[in-house]
Amino acid sequence: MSETKNVAKKEQSQVATFNSNLLKQAGGSLNKKSSDDYQIPYLNIIMKGSPQLKKGDEKHIEGAEEGMVFNTVTKQLYKNLTVLPVYYKRSYVEWKLVRKQATAPIAEYSISEYEQMKREGKIVRDENNKDRIVGGDTYVENTASHFVIVVEEDGSWNQAIIKMKASQLKKSRTWNSIMSNQRRKDGNEIYQPKDFARSYSLSTKYEENDVGDWYGWVISQGLWIDEIKNPNLQKIWEVAIRFEKAIHQGEVSGAEEDYSDNATATPSGNSAEADSDLPF
């Protein structure tokens, strides 16, 4: 009986231990663009008119409601979730319009590629404040991509990507500012750990302007990773390090996007190209 208690006590001690020195040893976060090798699902917000709400639609998700977040691959639903931010990049995504509705992304350009295209006159701003590709029916959209690890309540974890556009870019910039200013203290030493050394709580809220209404992201600073009560913290930390390196080396990309999963939230009476302040 005493032997069983000792084993249980030892296992509990092992679960609770996290070496905080790993935060220092890992160094600062890497941030560089990547290419395609393996695919990561997106975390999208369910909007008014999203197919996830429509019974009978092949993309319908049972229990889905406006404002919920869903995983585009597993279809798991969230009202709020905890994430560790692993990597960030900003790019310009090219979309094709068919009957004034975007269909699917055509190409992705780096910031330098976008600026070069503007200098060469290949991109012009139209009357709707959209950046159009000259001579075609496509446009490019400034897009922030946050690669994260979702920490599930059951102790498991998943990799995912959150894309923010238009009005949501302000939230992306705020999130980046918070991450760039986070510090840890070890005695008299103050250092900057990895971005994923701290968790963030994500949820959504109703937003509106003169053009329409939608649900936008709410991002709140959470616990340091070594403060989270999760039996798999060591594994999650190691996965985060590998995930970051894989993205940095160009071995990670998002799953194939379907515009209708994330952009059918156009306000009633407005086309998908109606206003640059809309988050889609």
C-alpha atoms as a PDB file:
ATOM      1  CA  MET A   1       0.000   0.000   0.000  1.00  0.00           C
ATOM      2  CA  SER A   2       2.809   2.395   0.960  1.00  0.00           C
ATOM      3  CA  GLU A   3       4.629   1.488  -2.278  1.00  0.00           C
ATOM      4  CA  THR A   4       1.551   2.455  -4.310  1.00  0.00           C
ATOM      5  CA  LYS A   5       1.344   5.796  -2.499  1.00  0.00           C
ATOM      6  CA  ASN A   6       5.028   6.473  -3.176  1.00  0.00           C
ATOM      7  CA  VAL A   7       4.609   5.746  -6.891  1.00  0.00           C
ATOM      8  CA  ALA A   8       1.555   8.022  -7.100  1.00  0.00           C
ATOM      9  CA  LYS A   9       3.414  10.768  -5.241  1.00  0.00           C
ATOM     10  CA  LYS A  10       6.396  10.438  -7.577  1.00  0.00           C
ATOM     11  CA  GLU A  11       4.180  10.598 -10.676  1.00  0.00           C
ATOM     12  CA  GLN A  12       2.378  13.674  -9.343  1.00  0.00           C
ATOM     13  CA  SER A  13       5.725  15.364  -8.685  1.00  0.00           C
ATOM     14  CA  GLN A  14       6.902  14.624 -12.232  1.00  0.00           C
ATOM     15  CA  VAL A  15       3.708  16.039 -13.741  1.00  0.00           C
ATOM     16  CA  ALA A  16       3.917  19.267 -11.774  1.00  0.00           C
ATOM     17  CA  THR A  17       7.574  19.964 -12.577  1.00  0.00           C
ATOM     18  CA  PHE A  18       8.511  22.392 -15.343  1.00  0.00           C
ATOM     19  CA  ASN A  19      12.059  23.655 -15.708  1.00  0.00           C
ATOM     20  CA  SER A  20      11.705  27.434 -15.990  1.00  0.00           C
ATOM     21  CA  ASN A  21      15.339  27.708 -17.114  1.00  0.00           C
ATOM     22  CA  LEU A  22      14.176  26.355 -20.483  1.00  0.00           C
ATOM     23  CA  LEU A  23      12.535  29.750 -21.088  1.00  0.00           C
ATOM     24  CA  LYS A  24      15.970  31.404 -21.023  1.00  0.00           C
ATOM     25  CA  GLN A  25      17.862  28.673 -22.858  1.00  0.00           C
ATOM     26  CA  ALA A  26      15.507  28.695 -25.855  1.00  0.00           C
ATOM     27  CA  GLY A  27      16.397  32.291 -26.784  1.00  0.00           C
ATOM     28  CA  GLY A  28      14.224  34.823 -28.603  1.00  0.00           C
ATOM     29  CA  SER A  29      11.473  33.917 -31.052  1.00  0.00           C
ATOM     30  CA  LEU A  30      12.226  33.441 -34.753  1.00  0.00           C
ATOM     31  CA  ASN A  31      10.086  35.383 -37.218  1.00  0.00           C
ATOM     32  CA  LYS A  32      10.610  34.752 -40.924  1.00  0.00           C
ATOM     33  CA  LYS A  33       8.302  33.796 -43.784  1.00  0.00           C
ATOM     34  CA  SER A  34       7.657  30.181 -44.725  1.00  0.00           C
ATOM     35  CA  SER A  35       6.537  28.087 -47.712  1.00  0.00           C
ATOM     36  CA  ASP A  36       4.402  24.946 -48.104  1.00  0.00           C
ATOM     37  CA  ASP A  37       5.228  21.498 -46.823  1.00  0.00           C
ATOM     38  CA  TYR A  38       2.648  20.346 -44.298  1.00  0.00           C
ATOM     39  CA  GLN A  39      -0.703  21.877 -43.584  1.00  0.00           C
ATOM     40  CA  ILE A  40      -2.138  23.446 -40.459  1.00  0.00           C
ATOM     41  CA  PRO A  41      -5.872  24.164 -39.888  1.00  0.00           C
ATOM     42  CA  TYR A  42      -7.254  27.668 -39.399  1.00  0.00           C
ATOM     43  CA  LEU A  43      -9.257  29.015 -36.501  1.00  0.00           C
ATOM     44  CA  ASN A  44     -12.111  31.032 -38.005  1.00  0.00           C
ATOM     45  CA  ILE A  45     -15.004  32.956 -36.497  1.00  0.00           C
ATOM     46  CA  ILE A  46     -18.520  31.923 -37.469  1.00  0.00           C
ATOM     47  CA  MET A  47     -20.336  34.931 -38.913  1.00  0.00           C
ATOM     48  CA  LYS A  48     -23.857  35.714 -40.061  1.00  0.00           C
ATOM     49  CA  GLY A  49     -24.452  33.643 -43.198  1.00  0.00           C
ATOM     50  CA  SER A  50     -21.553  31.237 -42.594  1.00  0.00           C
ATOM     51  CA  PRO A  51     -22.240  27.759 -44.039  1.00  0.00           C
ATOM     52  CA  GLN A  52     -21.441  26.244 -40.636  1.00  0.00           C
ATOM     53  CA  LEU A  53     -24.812  27.616 -39.453  1.00  0.00           C
ATOM     54  CA  LYS A  54     -26.884  26.212 -42.304  1.00  0.00           C
ATOM     55  CA  LYS A  55     -28.465  22.819 -41.766  1.00  0.00           C
ATOM     56  CA  GLY A  56     -28.173  20.765 -44.902  1.00  0.00           C
ATOM     57  CA  ASP A  57     -24.963  22.480 -45.974  1.00  0.00           C
ATOM     58  CA  GLU A  58     -22.035  20.063 -46.190  1.00  0.00           C
ATOM     59  CA  LYS A  59     -20.057  22.448 -43.989  1.00  0.00           C
ATOM     60  CA  HIS A  60     -22.713  22.625 -41.297  1.00  0.00           C
ATOM     61  CA  ILE A  61     -21.439  22.043 -37.749  1.00  0.00           C
ATOM     62  CA  GLU A  62     -23.933  20.834 -35.177  1.00  0.00           C
ATOM     63  CA  GLY A  63     -24.211  23.327 -32.328  1.00  0.00           C
ATOM     64  CA  ALA A  64     -22.574  26.172 -34.250  1.00  0.00           C
ATOM     65  CA  GLU A  65     -23.587  29.714 -33.314  1.00  0.00           C
ATOM     66  CA  GLU A  66     -22.603  33.179 -34.526  1.00  0.00           C
ATOM     67  CA  GLY A  67     -19.465  34.348 -32.794  1.00  0.00           C
ATOM     68  CA  MET A  68     -18.112  30.876 -32.105  1.00  0.00           C
ATOM     69  CA  VAL A  69     -14.622  29.914 -33.286  1.00  0.00           C
ATOM     70  CA  PHE A  70     -14.129  26.686 -35.221  1.00  0.00           C
ATOM     71  CA  ASN A  71     -11.218  24.567 -36.417  1.00  0.00           C
ATOM     72  CA  THR A  72     -11.455  24.307 -40.218  1.00  0.00           C
ATOM     73  CA  VAL A  73     -10.151  20.732 -40.217  1.00  0.00           C
ATOM     74  CA  THR A  74     -11.515  19.082 -37.063  1.00  0.00           C
ATOM     75  CA  LYS A  75     -14.671  21.298 -36.954  1.00  0.00           C
ATOM     76  CA  GLN A  76     -14.237  21.653 -33.187  1.00  0.00           C
ATOM     77  CA  LEU A  77     -16.157  24.616 -31.768  1.00  0.00           C
ATOM     78  CA  TYR A  78     -14.971  27.096 -29.149  1.00  0.00           C
ATOM     79  CA  LYS A  79     -16.537  29.983 -27.271  1.00  0.00           C
ATOM     80  CA  ASN A  80     -13.162  30.762 -25.765  1.00  0.00           C
ATOM     81  CA  LEU A  81      -9.793  29.077 -25.989  1.00  0.00           C
ATOM     82  CA  THR A  82      -6.232  29.258 -24.705  1.00  0.00           C
ATOM     83  CA  VAL A  83      -3.365  29.572 -27.167  1.00  0.00           C
ATOM     84  CA  LEU A  84       0.411  29.866 -27.159  1.00  0.00           C
ATOM     85  CA  PRO A  85       1.610  32.197 -29.957  1.00  0.00           C
ATOM     86  CA  VAL A  86       4.458  30.485 -31.800  1.00  0.00           C
ATOM     87  CA  TYR A  87       5.072  32.515 -34.942  1.00  0.00           C
ATOM     88  CA  TYR A  88       3.851  35.581 -36.816  1.00  0.00           C
ATOM     89  CA  LYS A  89       4.032  36.802 -40.385  1.00  0.00           C
ATOM     90  CA  ARG A  90       2.302  39.448 -42.457  1.00  0.00           C
ATOM     91  CA  SER A  91       1.709  39.037 -46.174  1.00  0.00           C
ATOM     92  CA  TYR A  92      -0.596  40.099 -49.002  1.00  0.00           C
ATOM     93  CA  VAL A  93      -3.048  37.486 -50.267  1.00  0.00           C
ATOM     94  CA  GLU A  94      -4.448  37.706 -53.804  1.00  0.00           C
ATOM     95  CA  TRP A  95      -8.131  36.858 -54.296  1.00  0.00           C
ATOM     96  CA  LYS A  96     -10.249  36.445 -57.422  1.00  0.00           C
ATOM     97  CA  LEU A  97     -13.724  37.943 -57.580  1.00  0.00           C
ATOM     98  CA  VAL A  98     -16.559  36.084 -59.278  1.00  0.00           C
ATOM     99  CA  ARG A  99     -19.906  37.914 -59.286  1.00  0.00           C
ATOM    100  CA  LYS A 100     -18.461  40.284 -56.676  1.00  0.00           C
ATOM    101  CA  GLN A 101     -17.707  37.416 -54.286  1.00  0.00           C
ATOM    102  CA  ALA A 102     -14.179  36.193 -53.541  1.00  0.00           C
ATOM    103  CA  THR A 103     -13.749  32.500 -54.340  1.00  0.00           C
ATOM    104  CA  ALA A 104     -10.348  31.274 -53.190  1.00  0.00           C
ATOM    105  CA  PRO A 105      -6.851  32.686 -52.670  1.00  0.00           C
ATOM    106  CA  ILE A 106      -4.701  32.718 -55.792  1.00  0.00           C
ATOM    107  CA  ALA A 107      -1.289  33.765 -54.507  1.00  0.00           C
ATOM    108  CA  GLU A 108       0.512  35.146 -51.476  1.00  0.00           C
ATOM    109  CA  TYR A 109       3.083  37.937 -51.644  1.00  0.00           C
ATOM    110  CA  SER A 110       5.630  39.058 -49.106  1.00  0.00           C
ATOM    111  CA  ILE A 111       5.638  42.694 -48.003  1.00  0.00           C
ATOM    112  CA  SER A 112       8.650  43.425 -50.223  1.00  0.00           C
ATOM    113  CA  GLU A 113       6.983  41.752 -53.228  1.00  0.00           C
ATOM    114  CA  TYR A 114       3.841  43.802 -52.654  1.00  0.00           C
ATOM    115  CA  GLU A 115       5.806  47.054 -52.416  1.00  0.00           C
ATOM    116  CA  GLN A 116       7.688  46.196 -55.613  1.00  0.00           C
ATOM    117  CA  MET A 117       4.419  45.518 -57.468  1.00  0.00           C
ATOM    118  CA  LYS A 118       3.096  48.888 -56.324  1.00  0.00           C
ATOM    119  CA  ARG A 119       6.225  50.684 -57.524  1.00  0.00           C
ATOM    120  CA  GLU A 120       5.914  48.972 -60.898  1.00  0.00           C
ATOM    121  CA  GLY A 121       2.273  50.029 -61.217  1.00  0.00           C
ATOM    122  CA  LYS A 122       0.966  46.454 -61.112  1.00  0.00           C
ATOM    123  CA  ILE A 123      -1.276  47.246 -58.132  1.00  0.00           C
ATOM    124  CA  VAL A 124      -3.630  50.234 -57.905  1.00  0.00           C
ATOM    125  CA  ARG A 125      -6.098  51.346 -55.222  1.00  0.00           C
ATOM    126  CA  ASP A 126      -9.708  51.420 -56.507  1.00  0.00           C
ATOM    127  CA  GLU A 127     -12.729  53.487 -55.453  1.00  0.00           C
ATOM    128  CA  ASN A 128     -13.633  50.885 -52.808  1.00  0.00           C
ATOM    129  CA  ASN A 129     -10.184  51.196 -51.213  1.00  0.00           C
ATOM    130  CA  LYS A 130      -9.124  47.781 -52.511  1.00  0.00           C
ATOM    131  CA  ASP A 131      -5.698  47.041 -53.997  1.00  0.00           C
ATOM    132  CA  ARG A 132      -6.461  45.685 -57.476  1.00  0.00           C
ATOM    133  CA  ILE A 133      -4.102  43.769 -59.734  1.00  0.00           C
ATOM    134  CA  VAL A 134      -3.958  45.797 -62.950  1.00  0.00           C
ATOM    135  CA  GLY A 135      -5.504  44.096 -65.976  1.00  0.00           C
ATOM    136  CA  GLY A 136      -7.478  41.451 -64.099  1.00  0.00           C
ATOM    137  CA  ASP A 137     -10.315  40.780 -61.686  1.00  0.00           C
ATOM    138  CA  THR A 138      -8.213  40.088 -58.598  1.00  0.00           C
ATOM    139  CA  TYR A 139      -7.205  42.103 -55.555  1.00  0.00           C
ATOM    140  CA  VAL A 140      -4.674  41.733 -52.756  1.00  0.00           C
ATOM    141  CA  GLU A 141      -5.425  41.954 -49.047  1.00  0.00           C
ATOM    142  CA  ASN A 142      -3.092  42.817 -46.168  1.00  0.00           C
ATOM    143  CA  THR A 143      -3.180  39.728 -43.917  1.00  0.00           C
ATOM    144  CA  ALA A 144      -1.640  38.959 -40.528  1.00  0.00           C
ATOM    145  CA  SER A 145      -1.100  35.269 -39.734  1.00  0.00           C
ATOM    146  CA  HIS A 146      -0.609  34.084 -36.156  1.00  0.00           C
ATOM    147  CA  PHE A 147       0.607  30.486 -35.841  1.00  0.00           C
ATOM    148  CA  VAL A 148      -0.474  29.137 -32.454  1.00  0.00           C
ATOM    149  CA  ILE A 149      -0.760  26.049 -30.309  1.00  0.00           C
ATOM    150  CA  VAL A 150      -4.208  25.583 -28.815  1.00  0.00           C
ATOM    151  CA  VAL A 151      -4.012  24.218 -25.270  1.00  0.00           C
ATOM    152  CA  GLU A 152      -7.119  22.131 -24.728  1.00  0.00           C
ATOM    153  CA  GLU A 153      -8.875  21.728 -21.381  1.00  0.00           C
ATOM    154  CA  ASP A 154      -8.213  17.979 -21.396  1.00  0.00           C
ATOM    155  CA  GLY A 155      -4.436  18.548 -21.483  1.00  0.00           C
ATOM    156  CA  SER A 156      -4.011  17.941 -25.218  1.00  0.00           C
ATOM    157  CA  TRP A 157      -2.887  20.494 -27.802  1.00  0.00           C
ATOM    158  CA  ASN A 158      -3.329  21.364 -31.468  1.00  0.00           C
ATOM    159  CA  GLN A 159      -1.485  23.538 -33.970  1.00  0.00           C
ATOM    160  CA  ALA A 160      -3.507  26.164 -35.843  1.00  0.00           C
ATOM    161  CA  ILE A 161      -3.360  29.473 -37.715  1.00  0.00           C
ATOM    162  CA  ILE A 162      -5.375  32.616 -37.023  1.00  0.00           C
ATOM    163  CA  LYS A 163      -5.660  35.107 -39.873  1.00  0.00           C
ATOM    164  CA  MET A 164      -6.561  38.726 -39.222  1.00  0.00           C
ATOM    165  CA  LYS A 165      -7.483  41.267 -41.891  1.00  0.00           C
ATOM    166  CA  ALA A 166      -8.941  44.772 -42.194  1.00  0.00           C
ATOM    167  CA  SER A 167     -10.323  45.941 -38.821  1.00  0.00           C
ATOM    168  CA  GLN A 168      -8.760  42.950 -37.060  1.00  0.00           C
ATOM    169  CA  LEU A 169      -5.245  44.097 -38.050  1.00  0.00           C
ATOM    170  CA  LYS A 170      -5.346  46.598 -35.178  1.00  0.00           C
ATOM    171  CA  LYS A 171      -5.828  43.701 -32.770  1.00  0.00           C
ATOM    172  CA  SER A 172      -2.985  41.815 -34.398  1.00  0.00           C
ATOM    173  CA  ARG A 173      -0.669  44.796 -33.919  1.00  0.00           C
ATOM    174  CA  THR A 174      -1.730  45.155 -30.279  1.00  0.00           C
ATOM    175  CA  TRP A 175      -1.105  41.455 -29.670  1.00  0.00           C
ATOM    176  CA  ASN A 176       2.342  41.731 -31.258  1.00  0.00           C
ATOM    177  CA  SER A 177       3.158  44.762 -29.103  1.00  0.00           C
ATOM    178  CA  ILE A 178       2.205  42.920 -25.934  1.00  0.00           C
ATOM    179  CA  MET A 179       4.337  39.922 -26.920  1.00  0.00           C
ATOM    180  CA  SER A 180       7.371  42.042 -27.832  1.00  0.00           C
ATOM    181  CA  ASN A 181       7.282  43.695 -24.411  1.00  0.00           C
ATOM    182  CA  GLN A 182       6.902  40.620 -22.233  1.00  0.00           C
ATOM    183  CA  ARG A 183       9.784  39.994 -19.805  1.00  0.00           C
ATOM    184  CA  ARG A 184      10.708  37.430 -17.161  1.00  0.00           C
ATOM    185  CA  LYS A 185      12.850  38.013 -14.100  1.00  0.00           C
ATOM    186  CA  ASP A 186      15.350  35.530 -12.691  1.00  0.00           C
ATOM    187  CA  GLY A 187      16.975  37.028  -9.630  1.00  0.00           C
ATOM    188  CA  ASN A 188      18.569  40.249 -10.839  1.00  0.00           C
ATOM    189  CA  GLU A 189      18.403  39.188 -14.481  1.00  0.00           C
ATOM    190  CA  ILE A 190      15.552  40.349 -16.717  1.00  0.00           C
ATOM    191  CA  TYR A 191      15.202  38.593 -20.062  1.00  0.00           C
ATOM    192  CA  GLN A 192      12.798  38.255 -22.993  1.00  0.00           C
ATOM    193  CA  PRO A 193      11.503  34.693 -23.384  1.00  0.00           C
ATOM    194  CA  LYS A 194       9.866  33.027 -26.355  1.00  0.00           C
ATOM    195  CA  ASP A 195       6.496  34.433 -27.393  1.00  0.00           C
ATOM    196  CA  PHE A 196       4.937  31.109 -26.430  1.00  0.00           C
ATOM    197  CA  ALA A 197       6.261  31.404 -22.877  1.00  0.00           C
ATOM    198  CA  ARG A 198       2.942  33.135 -22.083  1.00  0.00           C
ATOM    199  CA  SER A 199      -0.563  31.986 -22.941  1.00  0.00           C
ATOM    200  CA  TYR A 200      -3.405  34.142 -24.259  1.00  0.00           C
ATOM    201  CA  SER A 201      -7.159  33.755 -23.912  1.00  0.00           C
ATOM    202  CA  LEU A 202      -9.112  34.219 -27.130  1.00  0.00           C
ATOM    203  CA  SER A 203     -12.819  34.882 -27.515  1.00  0.00           C
ATOM    204  CA  THR A 204     -14.999  37.046 -29.771  1.00  0.00           C
ATOM    205  CA  LYS A 205     -17.316  40.021 -29.474  1.00  0.00           C
ATOM    206  CA  TYR A 206     -19.986  41.673 -31.575  1.00  0.00           C
ATOM    207  CA  GLU A 207     -18.755  44.673 -33.575  1.00  0.00           C
ATOM    208  CA  GLU A 208     -20.364  47.090 -36.016  1.00  0.00           C
ATOM    209  CA  ASN A 209     -19.815  50.252 -38.020  1.00  0.00           C
ATOM    210  CA  ASP A 210     -21.703  52.230 -40.667  1.00  0.00           C
ATOM    211  CA  VAL A 211     -21.191  49.431 -43.198  1.00  0.00           C
ATOM    212  CA  GLY A 212     -22.330  46.419 -41.225  1.00  0.00           C
ATOM    213  CA  ASP A 213     -21.782  44.123 -38.262  1.00  0.00           C
ATOM    214  CA  TRP A 214     -19.645  41.097 -37.466  1.00  0.00           C
ATOM    215  CA  TYR A 215     -17.800  39.304 -34.668  1.00  0.00           C
ATOM    216  CA  GLY A 216     -14.187  40.221 -33.968  1.00  0.00           C
ATOM    217  CA  TRP A 217     -11.396  38.793 -31.862  1.00  0.00           C
ATOM    218  CA  VAL A 218     -10.870  39.538 -28.162  1.00  0.00           C
ATOM    219  CA  ILE A 219      -7.323  38.755 -26.985  1.00  0.00           C
ATOM    220  CA  SER A 220      -6.408  38.741 -23.290  1.00  0.00           C
ATOM    221  CA  GLN A 221      -3.047  38.049 -21.703  1.00  0.00           C
ATOM    222  CA  GLY A 222      -3.032  34.776 -19.774  1.00  0.00           C
ATOM    223  CA  LEU A 223      -0.705  32.733 -17.574  1.00  0.00           C
ATOM    224  CA  TRP A 224       2.968  32.043 -18.114  1.00  0.00           C
ATOM    225  CA  ILE A 225       3.363  28.528 -19.468  1.00  0.00           C
ATOM    226  CA  ASP A 226       4.918  27.272 -16.226  1.00  0.00           C
ATOM    227  CA  GLU A 227       1.841  28.514 -14.329  1.00  0.00           C
ATOM    228  CA  ILE A 228      -0.639  26.542 -16.429  1.00  0.00           C
ATOM    229  CA  LYS A 229      -2.061  23.433 -14.767  1.00  0.00           C
ATOM    230  CA  ASN A 230      -1.495  20.898 -17.511  1.00  0.00           C
ATOM    231  CA  PRO A 231       0.230  17.493 -17.161  1.00  0.00           C
ATOM    232  CA  ASN A 232       1.779  17.829 -20.632  1.00  0.00           C
ATOM    233  CA  LEU A 233       3.547  21.190 -20.307  1.00  0.00           C
ATOM    234  CA  GLN A 234       6.987  19.763 -21.077  1.00  0.00           C
ATOM    235  CA  LYS A 235       5.712  18.097 -24.259  1.00  0.00           C
ATOM    236  CA  ILE A 236       3.811  21.216 -25.334  1.00  0.00           C
ATOM    237  CA  TRP A 237       6.940  23.355 -24.861  1.00  0.00           C
ATOM    238  CA  GLU A 238       8.999  20.949 -26.971  1.00  0.00           C
ATOM    239  CA  VAL A 239       6.293  20.849 -29.658  1.00  0.00           C
ATOM    240  CA  ALA A 240       6.236  24.655 -29.741  1.00  0.00           C
ATOM    241  CA  ILE A 241      10.004  24.815 -30.294  1.00  0.00           C
ATOM    242  CA  ARG A 242       9.811  22.277 -33.148  1.00  0.00           C
ATOM    243  CA  PHE A 243       6.778  24.034 -34.637  1.00  0.00           C
ATOM    244  CA  GLU A 244       8.559  27.390 -34.663  1.00  0.00           C
ATOM    245  CA  LYS A 245      11.669  25.947 -36.295  1.00  0.00           C
ATOM    246  CA  ALA A 246       9.616  24.122 -38.936  1.00  0.00           C
ATOM    247  CA  ILE A 247       7.783  27.339 -39.885  1.00  0.00           C
ATOM    248  CA  HIS A 248      11.040  29.302 -39.926  1.00  0.00           C
ATOM    249  CA  GLN A 249      12.576  26.711 -42.252  1.00  0.00           C
ATOM    250  CA  GLY A 250       9.620  26.881 -44.637  1.00  0.00           C
ATOM    251  CA  GLU A 251       8.184  23.459 -43.828  1.00  0.00           C
ATOM    252  CA  VAL A 252       4.717  24.579 -42.699  1.00  0.00           C
ATOM    253  CA  SER A 253       1.730  26.080 -44.466  1.00  0.00           C
ATOM    254  CA  GLY A 254      -1.963  26.430 -43.802  1.00  0.00           C
ATOM    255  CA  ALA A 255      -4.543  23.940 -45.020  1.00  0.00           C
ATOM    256  CA  GLU A 256      -6.252  24.780 -48.297  1.00  0.00           C
ATOM    257  CA  GLU A 257      -8.481  27.772 -47.695  1.00  0.00           C
ATOM    258  CA  ASP A 258     -12.112  28.053 -48.667  1.00  0.00           C
ATOM    259  CA  TYR A 259     -13.308  31.645 -48.704  1.00  0.00           C
ATOM    260  CA  SER A 260     -16.832  30.634 -47.777  1.00  0.00           C
ATOM    261  CA  ASP A 261     -15.643  29.321 -44.406  1.00  0.00           C
ATOM    262  CA  ASN A 262     -14.493  32.722 -43.242  1.00  0.00           C
ATOM    263  CA  ALA A 263     -15.837  35.406 -45.501  1.00  0.00           C
ATOM    264  CA  THR A 264     -19.519  34.892 -46.000  1.00  0.00           C
ATOM    265  CA  ALA A 265     -20.091  37.250 -43.121  1.00  0.00           C
ATOM    266  CA  THR A 266     -20.646  40.186 -45.414  1.00  0.00           C
ATOM    267  CA  PRO A 267     -23.207  42.563 -43.875  1.00  0.00           C
ATOM    268  CA  SER A 268     -26.663  42.390 -45.373  1.00  0.00           C
ATOM    269  CA  GLY A 269     -26.924  44.408 -48.547  1.00  0.00           C
ATOM    270  CA  ASN A 270     -23.169  44.737 -49.097  1.00  0.00           C
ATOM    271  CA  SER A 271     -20.808  42.825 -51.358  1.00  0.00           C
ATOM    272  CA  ALA A 272     -17.621  41.179 -50.095  1.00  0.00           C
ATOM    273  CA  GLU A 273     -15.660  44.135 -51.426  1.00  0.00           C
ATOM    274  CA  ALA A 274     -17.774  46.769 -49.754  1.00  0.00           C
ATOM    275  CA  ASP A 275     -15.422  48.293 -47.207  1.00  0.00           C
ATOM    276  CA  SER A 276     -11.839  47.886 -46.007  1.00  0.00           C
ATOM    277  CA  ASP A 277     -12.957  48.215 -42.382  1.00  0.00           C
ATOM    278  CA  LEU A 278     -14.672  44.828 -42.516  1.00  0.00           C
ATOM    279  CA  PRO A 279     -12.661  41.918 -41.037  1.00  0.00           C
ATOM    280  CA  PHE A 280     -12.905  39.589 -44.046  1.00  0.00           C
END
